[in-house]
Amino acid sequence: MSLPPVRSWTTDPTFRLLARCDRCHRRRLFAPYFEVYGTVDEDHLAQCGPCKEKQPRIGGRLPTVWWWECYLCLVDTITAIAEDRRPVG
């Protein structure tokens, strides 16, 4: 199951010992990890059972979830977002 669409991320990393990136699943002895936030949309909720169970709708709004990404995955995430944006007009 893929991660939800990214909405924001932290700019200051948290250095973690023996942690795993939630995106690439690589374990590192000691590395910086960034919190990445996404909003679970209807398509993701329909496909992902754990998100549906853990994050029920609150007041009709779609829930925000977060996960850890290493710096390499965060660069890929930001690049993909930048490439998808098209100028309006």
Protein backbone atom coordinates (compact mmCIF):
# COMPACT_ATOMS: atom_id res chain seq x y z
CA MET A 1 0.00 0.00 0.00
CA SER A 2 1.38 3.39 -0.94
CA LEU A 3 1.55 6.33 1.43
CA PRO A 4 -1.13 9.06 1.34
CA PRO A 5 -0.60 12.26 -0.69
CA VAL A 6 1.99 14.55 0.96
CA ARG A 7 0.82 17.93 2.24
CA SER A 8 3.80 19.13 4.31
CA TRP A 9 7.02 18.08 6.01
CA THR A 10 9.39 19.27 8.71
CA THR A 11 12.55 21.16 7.80
CA ASP A 12 14.51 20.15 10.89
CA PRO A 13 15.38 16.46 11.08
CA THR A 14 15.15 14.22 14.09
CA PHE A 15 18.22 12.03 14.50
CA ARG A 16 17.13 8.52 15.32
CA LEU A 17 19.10 5.47 16.38
CA LEU A 18 18.40 2.12 14.64
CA ALA A 19 15.35 3.51 12.86
CA ARG A 20 13.65 2.60 9.60
CA CYS A 21 12.35 4.90 6.87
CA ASP A 22 8.60 4.35 6.39
CA ARG A 23 8.91 4.92 2.65
CA CYS A 24 11.97 2.94 1.50
CA HIS A 25 12.04 0.63 4.58
CA ARG A 26 15.85 0.89 4.91
CA ARG A 27 17.30 0.64 8.39
CA ARG A 28 20.16 2.92 9.35
CA LEU A 29 22.34 2.89 12.43
CA PHE A 30 22.03 6.63 13.11
CA ALA A 31 20.48 9.02 10.60
CA PRO A 32 18.29 12.10 10.24
CA TYR A 33 14.59 11.48 9.61
CA PHE A 34 11.91 13.98 8.69
CA GLU A 35 8.25 13.95 9.65
CA VAL A 36 6.08 14.02 6.53
CA TYR A 37 2.38 14.82 6.77
CA GLY A 38 -0.37 13.77 4.42
CA THR A 39 -4.13 13.93 4.30
CA VAL A 40 -5.82 10.62 3.79
CA ASP A 41 -8.14 11.02 0.81
CA GLU A 42 -11.16 8.88 -0.14
CA ASP A 43 -9.15 6.75 -2.61
CA HIS A 44 -6.53 5.91 0.00
CA LEU A 45 -9.14 5.11 2.63
CA ALA A 46 -10.86 2.70 0.24
CA GLN A 47 -7.61 0.78 -0.36
CA CYS A 48 -5.88 0.94 3.04
CA GLY A 49 -7.50 -0.95 5.88
CA PRO A 50 -5.11 0.22 8.65
CA CYS A 51 -5.69 3.91 7.85
CA LYS A 52 -9.44 3.38 7.95
CA GLU A 53 -9.24 1.64 11.31
CA LYS A 54 -6.70 3.97 12.95
CA GLN A 55 -7.89 7.29 11.55
CA PRO A 56 -11.68 7.57 11.51
CA ARG A 57 -13.27 10.71 10.09
CA ILE A 58 -13.50 13.47 12.64
CA GLY A 59 -16.28 15.98 12.12
CA GLY A 60 -16.58 15.07 8.44
CA ARG A 61 -12.97 16.09 7.71
CA LEU A 62 -10.40 13.70 6.34
CA PRO A 63 -7.71 12.86 8.91
CA THR A 64 -4.07 13.89 8.73
CA VAL A 65 -1.46 11.19 9.20
CA TRP A 66 2.32 11.37 9.43
CA TRP A 67 5.29 9.10 8.84
CA TRP A 68 9.12 9.17 8.90
CA GLU A 69 11.19 9.65 5.73
CA CYS A 70 14.97 9.61 5.35
CA TYR A 71 16.62 12.52 3.57
CA LEU A 72 16.90 10.62 0.26
CA CYS A 73 13.19 9.79 0.21
CA LEU A 74 12.28 13.35 1.23
CA VAL A 75 14.25 14.73 -1.73
CA ASP A 76 12.35 12.35 -4.03
CA THR A 77 9.04 13.38 -2.46
CA ILE A 78 9.71 17.11 -2.84
CA THR A 79 10.95 16.63 -6.42
CA ALA A 80 7.82 14.69 -7.37
CA ILE A 81 5.59 17.40 -5.90
CA ALA A 82 7.53 20.14 -7.73
CA GLU A 83 7.34 18.30 -11.05
CA ASP A 84 3.59 17.69 -10.74
CA ARG A 85 2.76 21.36 -10.25
CA ARG A 86 1.88 23.20 -13.40
CA PRO A 87 1.51 26.96 -13.74
CA VAL A 88 -2.06 28.20 -13.76
CA GLY A 89 -3.18 30.04 -16.85
